[in-house]
Protein backbone atom coordinates (compact mmCIF):
# COMPACT_ATOMS: atom_id res chain seq x y z
CA MET A 1 -3.20 21.40 -19.44
CA THR A 2 -0.70 22.84 -21.65
CA MET A 3 1.41 19.54 -22.07
CA PRO A 4 0.01 16.04 -22.06
CA ALA A 5 0.09 14.14 -18.84
CA ARG A 6 3.15 11.87 -19.26
CA VAL A 7 2.26 8.12 -17.91
CA LEU A 8 4.21 4.99 -17.17
CA VAL A 9 2.00 1.90 -17.52
CA VAL A 10 3.06 -1.02 -15.06
CA ASP A 11 1.49 -4.37 -15.51
CA ASP A 12 2.84 -7.96 -15.84
CA SER A 13 0.30 -8.70 -18.71
CA PRO A 14 1.50 -7.30 -22.18
CA THR A 15 -2.24 -7.52 -23.14
CA MET A 16 -3.41 -5.50 -20.15
CA ARG A 17 -0.47 -2.84 -20.82
CA GLY A 18 -1.69 -2.59 -24.50
CA LEU A 19 -5.30 -2.00 -23.46
CA ILE A 20 -4.40 0.65 -20.86
CA THR A 21 -1.96 2.32 -23.35
CA ALA A 22 -4.73 2.39 -26.08
CA VAL A 23 -7.32 3.85 -23.73
CA LEU A 24 -5.08 6.73 -22.37
CA ASN A 25 -3.51 7.57 -25.71
CA SER A 26 -6.97 8.05 -27.18
CA ASP A 27 -7.14 11.26 -25.03
CA PRO A 28 -5.08 14.01 -26.79
CA GLU A 29 -4.09 15.34 -23.17
CA VAL A 30 -2.53 12.06 -22.06
CA SER A 31 0.71 10.59 -23.41
CA VAL A 32 1.97 6.90 -22.42
CA ILE A 33 5.71 7.46 -22.31
CA GLY A 34 6.68 3.97 -21.20
CA GLN A 35 5.57 0.54 -20.11
CA ALA A 36 6.95 -1.92 -17.52
CA GLY A 37 6.25 -5.50 -16.66
CA ASP A 38 7.30 -5.69 -13.05
CA ALA A 39 8.65 -3.53 -10.41
CA HIS A 40 12.40 -3.81 -11.48
CA GLU A 41 11.47 -2.61 -14.86
CA ALA A 42 9.26 0.13 -13.40
CA ARG A 43 11.94 1.50 -11.07
CA ALA A 44 14.39 1.80 -13.98
CA ALA A 45 11.77 3.60 -16.12
CA ILE A 46 10.72 6.02 -13.38
CA LYS A 47 14.32 7.04 -13.00
CA GLU A 48 14.80 7.31 -16.85
CA LEU A 49 11.47 8.82 -17.92
CA ASN A 50 10.27 10.85 -14.96
CA PRO A 51 6.71 10.36 -15.59
CA ASP A 52 3.94 12.61 -14.11
CA VAL A 53 1.73 9.55 -13.25
CA VAL A 54 2.14 5.83 -12.94
CA THR A 55 -0.49 3.20 -13.36
CA LEU A 56 0.23 0.23 -11.27
CA ASP A 57 -1.06 -3.28 -11.18
CA ILE A 58 -1.52 -4.78 -7.82
CA GLU A 59 -0.64 -8.55 -8.78
CA MET A 60 2.83 -8.84 -10.27
CA PRO A 61 5.69 -11.11 -10.09
CA ASN A 62 8.77 -10.68 -7.63
CA MET A 63 7.44 -7.75 -5.91
CA ASN A 64 3.56 -7.01 -5.82
CA GLY A 65 2.10 -3.57 -6.46
CA LEU A 66 1.54 -2.81 -2.73
CA GLU A 67 5.15 -3.42 -1.92
CA PHE A 68 6.38 -1.25 -4.78
CA LEU A 69 3.82 1.40 -3.99
CA GLU A 70 5.28 1.71 -0.39
CA LYS A 71 8.74 2.11 -1.99
CA ILE A 72 7.53 4.81 -4.31
CA MET A 73 5.82 6.74 -1.69
CA ARG A 74 8.86 6.51 0.68
CA LEU A 75 11.51 7.26 -1.75
CA ARG A 76 10.10 9.21 -4.67
CA PRO A 77 6.45 10.14 -4.02
CA MET A 78 4.38 10.73 -7.07
CA PRO A 79 0.81 10.18 -8.22
CA VAL A 80 0.01 6.49 -8.64
CA ILE A 81 -3.39 5.01 -9.91
CA MET A 82 -4.05 1.47 -8.88
CA VAL A 83 -5.42 -1.07 -11.53
CA SER A 84 -7.26 -3.72 -9.74
CA THR A 85 -9.44 -6.82 -10.22
CA MET A 86 -13.03 -6.17 -9.09
CA THR A 87 -12.94 -8.94 -6.57
CA HIS A 88 -13.28 -8.93 -2.82
CA GLN A 89 -9.52 -9.76 -2.48
CA GLY A 90 -8.65 -7.03 -5.17
CA ALA A 91 -10.75 -4.41 -3.32
CA ASN A 92 -9.11 -5.05 -0.10
CA ALA A 93 -5.67 -4.69 -1.58
CA THR A 94 -6.79 -1.59 -3.44
CA LEU A 95 -8.06 0.06 -0.17
CA ALA A 96 -4.67 -0.70 1.38
CA ALA A 97 -3.02 1.01 -1.69
CA LEU A 98 -5.24 4.22 -1.16
CA GLU A 99 -4.33 4.14 2.46
CA ILE A 100 -0.62 3.98 1.50
CA GLY A 101 -0.88 7.06 -0.70
CA ALA A 102 -2.15 5.88 -4.18
CA PHE A 103 -4.05 8.85 -5.85
CA ASP A 104 -7.15 6.53 -7.13
CA CYS A 105 -8.00 3.31 -8.50
CA VAL A 106 -9.82 1.87 -11.46
CA GLY A 107 -11.09 -1.83 -12.04
CA LYS A 108 -9.81 -4.01 -14.86
CA PRO A 109 -12.32 -4.67 -17.61
CA VAL A 110 -14.61 -7.67 -17.70
CA PRO A 111 -16.30 -8.99 -20.82
CA GLY A 112 -19.02 -6.70 -21.94
CA ASP A 113 -17.65 -3.44 -20.53
CA ALA A 114 -18.85 -0.55 -22.55
CA ARG A 115 -16.01 1.62 -21.25
CA PRO A 116 -12.98 -0.32 -20.34
CA PHE A 117 -11.10 1.30 -17.34
CA GLY A 118 -13.92 3.94 -17.08
CA ASP A 119 -12.62 7.45 -16.35
CA LEU A 120 -9.03 6.34 -16.22
CA ALA A 121 -7.79 9.20 -18.65
CA GLU A 122 -9.72 11.80 -16.47
CA LYS A 123 -8.04 10.36 -13.34
CA VAL A 124 -4.69 10.45 -14.89
CA LYS A 125 -5.13 14.11 -15.71
CA ALA A 126 -6.35 15.03 -12.31
CA ALA A 127 -3.39 13.15 -10.87
CA ALA A 128 -0.81 15.04 -13.11
CA ARG A 129 -2.58 18.45 -12.20
CA SER A 130 -2.32 17.50 -8.35
CA ASN A 131 1.47 17.75 -8.88
CA ARG A 132 2.10 15.87 -5.78
CA GLY A 133 2.53 12.25 -4.57
CA ARG A 134 1.24 11.35 -1.15
CA SER A 135 2.88 9.15 1.56
CA ARG A 136 1.46 7.18 4.45
CA SER A 137 1.99 10.27 6.60
CA ALA A 138 -0.99 11.68 4.99
CA VAL A 139 -3.30 9.18 7.02
CA VAL A 140 -4.19 10.96 10.23
CA PRO A 141 -3.44 8.33 13.05
CA PRO A 142 -6.38 7.01 15.15
CA VAL A 143 -7.32 9.50 18.20
CA ALA A 144 -9.38 8.93 21.18
CA PRO A 145 -12.86 10.13 20.32
CA THR A 146 -14.35 12.96 22.64
CA ALA A 147 -15.21 11.32 25.85
CA ASP A 148 -17.81 13.76 26.95
CA TYR A 149 -19.76 14.08 23.68
CA ARG A 150 -23.50 14.08 24.01
CA VAL A 151 -25.32 13.50 20.67
CA GLY A 152 -28.02 15.84 19.67
CA ARG A 153 -30.73 15.55 17.05
CA LYS A 154 -28.91 16.31 13.68
CA VAL A 155 -27.98 14.04 10.94
CA VAL A 156 -24.71 14.12 9.06
CA ALA A 157 -24.32 13.77 5.38
CA ILE A 158 -20.79 13.45 3.74
CA GLY A 159 -19.80 13.40 0.09
CA SER A 160 -16.40 12.43 -1.30
CA SER A 161 -14.44 11.13 -4.28
CA THR A 162 -10.91 10.92 -5.26
CA GLY A 163 -8.73 11.00 -2.10
CA GLY A 164 -11.80 10.09 -0.03
CA VAL A 165 -10.49 6.89 1.45
CA GLU A 166 -7.89 8.79 3.64
CA ALA A 167 -10.17 11.74 4.14
CA LEU A 168 -13.00 9.72 5.53
CA ILE A 169 -10.63 7.66 7.71
CA ALA A 170 -9.34 10.81 9.22
CA VAL A 171 -12.82 12.35 9.82
CA LEU A 172 -14.58 9.25 11.12
CA GLN A 173 -11.71 8.27 13.52
CA LYS A 174 -12.64 11.31 15.40
CA PHE A 175 -16.15 10.13 15.93
CA PRO A 176 -17.22 8.60 19.21
CA LYS A 177 -19.11 5.48 19.73
CA ASN A 178 -22.53 7.51 20.06
CA CYS A 179 -22.00 9.59 17.03
CA PRO A 180 -24.74 11.23 15.03
CA PRO A 181 -26.57 9.24 12.53
CA THR A 182 -24.26 9.66 9.36
CA VAL A 183 -24.88 8.96 5.72
CA ILE A 184 -22.02 8.91 3.21
CA THR A 185 -21.70 8.73 -0.49
CA GLN A 186 -18.20 7.89 -1.77
CA HIS A 187 -17.50 7.44 -5.39
CA MET A 188 -16.11 3.90 -5.48
CA PRO A 189 -16.76 0.59 -7.51
CA PRO A 190 -19.37 -1.82 -6.13
CA THR A 191 -17.03 -4.52 -4.67
CA PHE A 192 -14.94 -1.80 -3.03
CA THR A 193 -17.65 -0.10 -0.85
CA LYS A 194 -18.45 -3.30 1.07
CA SER A 195 -14.77 -3.71 1.79
CA PHE A 196 -14.40 -0.13 2.58
CA ALA A 197 -17.33 -0.24 5.05
CA GLU A 198 -15.81 -3.39 6.77
CA ARG A 199 -12.48 -1.47 7.00
CA LEU A 200 -14.03 1.45 8.70
CA ASN A 201 -16.07 -0.66 11.05
CA ARG A 202 -12.84 -2.29 12.23
CA ILE A 203 -10.87 1.07 12.80
CA CYS A 204 -13.57 3.36 13.99
CA ALA A 205 -15.59 3.50 17.31
CA PRO A 206 -19.19 3.79 15.74
CA VAL A 207 -20.66 0.79 13.77
CA VAL A 208 -20.04 1.35 10.04
CA GLN A 209 -21.92 -0.54 7.42
CA GLU A 210 -23.15 -0.58 3.85
CA ALA A 211 -26.46 1.05 3.64
CA THR A 212 -29.37 -1.01 2.91
CA ASP A 213 -32.79 -0.23 1.73
CA GLY A 214 -34.97 0.71 4.77
CA ALA A 215 -32.11 0.76 7.25
CA ARG A 216 -33.21 3.01 10.14
CA LEU A 217 -31.01 5.93 10.76
CA GLU A 218 -29.79 5.40 14.35
CA ILE A 219 -27.12 7.08 16.68
CA GLY A 220 -23.91 5.38 16.73
CA LYS A 221 -24.26 4.17 13.18
CA ILE A 222 -22.64 5.25 9.86
CA TYR A 223 -24.06 4.30 6.37
CA LEU A 224 -21.92 4.14 3.39
CA ALA A 225 -23.77 4.09 0.01
CA PRO A 226 -23.12 0.89 -1.94
CA GLY A 227 -21.50 1.31 -5.30
CA GLY A 228 -23.37 0.03 -8.25
CA ASP A 229 -26.67 0.77 -9.81
CA ARG A 230 -28.42 2.71 -7.21
CA HIS A 231 -28.24 6.08 -5.24
CA LEU A 232 -28.50 6.53 -1.51
CA GLN A 233 -31.34 8.74 -0.23
CA VAL A 234 -32.80 9.33 3.28
CA SER A 235 -36.72 9.66 3.76
CA ASN A 236 -39.48 9.22 6.12
CA PRO A 237 -39.39 12.13 8.63
CA SER A 238 -41.36 10.18 11.36
CA ALA A 239 -38.85 7.26 11.42
CA PRO A 240 -35.74 8.38 9.12
CA CYS A 241 -34.19 5.69 7.08
CA CYS A 242 -31.89 4.83 4.12
CA ARG A 243 -33.54 4.43 0.66
CA LEU A 244 -31.54 2.88 -2.32
CA ILE A 245 -33.33 4.14 -5.52
CA GLU A 246 -32.85 3.16 -9.18
CA ARG A 247 -32.19 6.17 -11.23
CA ASP A 248 -29.86 7.37 -14.04
CA PRO A 249 -26.36 8.61 -12.99
CA VAL A 250 -26.22 12.22 -11.66
CA ASN A 251 -23.13 14.32 -12.61
CA GLY A 252 -21.79 11.02 -14.09
CA HIS A 253 -22.05 9.21 -10.78
CA ARG A 254 -24.12 6.59 -9.25
CA PRO A 255 -24.48 6.75 -6.41
CA SER A 256 -24.35 10.54 -6.58
CA VAL A 257 -23.54 12.97 -3.54
CA ASP A 258 -26.19 15.39 -4.86
CA VAL A 259 -28.96 12.77 -4.79
CA LEU A 260 -28.13 12.21 -1.02
CA PHE A 261 -27.63 15.89 -0.03
CA ASP A 262 -30.89 16.90 -1.79
CA SER A 263 -32.84 14.14 0.21
CA VAL A 264 -31.08 15.29 3.47
CA ALA A 265 -32.20 18.91 2.97
CA ASP A 266 -35.70 17.73 2.35
CA LEU A 267 -35.79 15.37 5.30
CA ALA A 268 -33.76 17.23 8.01
CA GLY A 269 -33.56 20.87 6.99
CA ARG A 270 -31.78 22.82 9.77
CA ASN A 271 -31.24 19.40 11.73
CA ALA A 272 -28.33 18.43 9.57
CA VAL A 273 -24.77 18.95 8.81
CA GLY A 274 -23.36 18.64 5.35
CA VAL A 275 -19.78 17.93 4.58
CA ILE A 276 -17.96 17.84 1.17
CA LEU A 277 -14.48 16.39 1.02
CA THR A 278 -11.95 15.95 -1.70
CA GLY A 279 -12.90 14.75 -5.18
CA MET A 280 -12.99 15.44 -8.91
CA GLY A 281 -15.85 17.21 -10.57
CA ARG A 282 -18.84 19.08 -9.13
CA ASP A 283 -20.99 16.21 -7.57
CA GLY A 284 -22.41 17.38 -4.29
CA ALA A 285 -22.08 21.06 -4.80
CA SER A 286 -25.70 21.81 -5.73
CA GLY A 287 -26.99 19.60 -3.14
CA LEU A 288 -24.90 21.13 -0.30
CA LEU A 289 -26.19 24.60 -1.45
CA LYS A 290 -29.71 23.06 -1.13
CA MET A 291 -28.87 21.76 2.45
CA ARG A 292 -27.49 25.38 3.45
CA SER A 293 -30.57 27.07 2.12
CA ALA A 294 -32.59 24.91 4.11
CA GLY A 295 -30.76 25.75 7.23
CA ALA A 296 -28.11 23.05 7.58
CA ARG A 297 -24.60 23.85 8.73
CA THR A 298 -22.20 23.02 5.93
CA ILE A 299 -18.44 22.32 5.72
CA GLY A 300 -15.94 22.05 2.98
CA GLN A 301 -12.40 20.60 3.00
CA ASN A 302 -9.96 23.24 2.13
CA GLU A 303 -7.58 23.35 -0.83
CA LYS A 304 -4.35 22.61 0.98
CA THR A 305 -5.48 19.28 2.35
CA CYS A 306 -7.48 18.05 -0.56
CA VAL A 307 -5.99 15.44 -2.88
CA VAL A 308 -8.25 17.05 -5.64
CA TYR A 309 -9.76 20.39 -4.98
CA GLY A 310 -12.80 19.84 -7.33
CA MET A 311 -15.83 19.15 -5.52
CA PRO A 312 -15.19 21.46 -2.54
CA ARG A 313 -14.02 24.21 -4.74
CA VAL A 314 -17.28 24.19 -6.65
CA ALA A 315 -19.24 24.11 -3.52
CA HIS A 316 -17.40 26.99 -2.19
CA ASP A 317 -17.79 29.01 -5.38
CA ILE A 318 -21.38 28.78 -5.50
CA GLY A 319 -21.94 29.62 -1.91
CA ALA A 320 -22.70 26.18 -0.56
CA VAL A 321 -19.88 26.09 2.12
CA GLU A 322 -20.36 27.91 5.27
CA GLN A 323 -16.82 27.20 6.45
CA GLN A 324 -13.79 25.76 4.99
CA LEU A 325 -11.56 23.76 7.27
CA PRO A 326 -8.26 21.55 6.96
CA LEU A 327 -8.95 17.79 6.99
CA ASN A 328 -7.78 17.22 10.46
CA ALA A 329 -10.23 19.83 11.93
CA ILE A 330 -13.45 18.50 10.28
CA GLY A 331 -14.21 15.60 12.52
CA GLU A 332 -13.98 17.81 15.47
CA GLU A 333 -16.10 20.58 14.00
CA ILE A 334 -18.88 18.04 13.08
CA LEU A 335 -19.21 16.87 16.65
CA LYS A 336 -19.29 20.51 17.91
CA LEU A 337 -22.24 21.24 15.57
CA THR A 338 -24.13 18.12 16.56
CA ALA A 339 -23.48 17.92 20.22
CA ALA A 340 -26.63 18.42 22.30
CA ARG A 341 -25.34 21.46 24.07
CA LYS A 342 -25.07 23.29 20.66
CA GLU A 343 -28.72 22.51 20.11
CA GLY A 344 -30.07 23.87 23.53
CA THR A 345 -31.28 20.34 24.48
CA GLU A 346 -29.49 20.11 27.70
């Protein structure tokens, strides 16, 4: 970036505003240009300062962060990063914010955090580069899953990061109740993955759950890697199942998309479909290449529909992506590639 990303920090706590400002200003490519304690102050500051990015607290007086975010996305769409408590209630509110159009989220620090706010500065820079706010219209409305779909023998593996909440909803709402066994790694804090799995389970036809160690891969079930200190793999060719393994972060992430894709390549080979969706960085690219080299079919989200064209770009550049598709076409393509009639099993 030629100019620092200009940020407005919105939080009702002066202490929290100071902490966020200090973290962001420690990066020479980020500049905090203003602070606000509530939605009224934030609205005036946005008009006056025209920031590139806003960090927004969810719990605020007078008007909470979700209500204010809806107004921003309706009246002046711009990149917004939510700052949330790492509680179940906070996770639910943050997921709602991501569906409304927030760019990404970070958790508020707790005592003992080695890196308060994690990679907030990197997310701010990515948000500024994205050069667009998103509105609720970006979320694909539910559609009736394919009625005549007959599942084949393939397993589906999906990786996503920033923008993945909306993207996964768009893809998985195309899946019928008898979808192929599907494993997903989405970069997300620990509490958030449980809430996200519950949300997906309510709005999608298949069963969606957080993956547990030893859970059998079954038709009609989708397994979301839990956030935290373990990676999701698949193993056991005779009775494929989920494995949660303790291992150092890969590409800075745990769980890592590469770890999942590598294991799917080893387990399923050509009997797999790999999909890489919107996200920062390069996690998943080498694993998707391994899947393609093993005979799997591979899909990457195209640049136009990505919130951040990072992971799919790297995967495309190294030859891991067989075909790039817009987000609204990916779910249907997965079903085409995994249907029984495509495998000659009729």
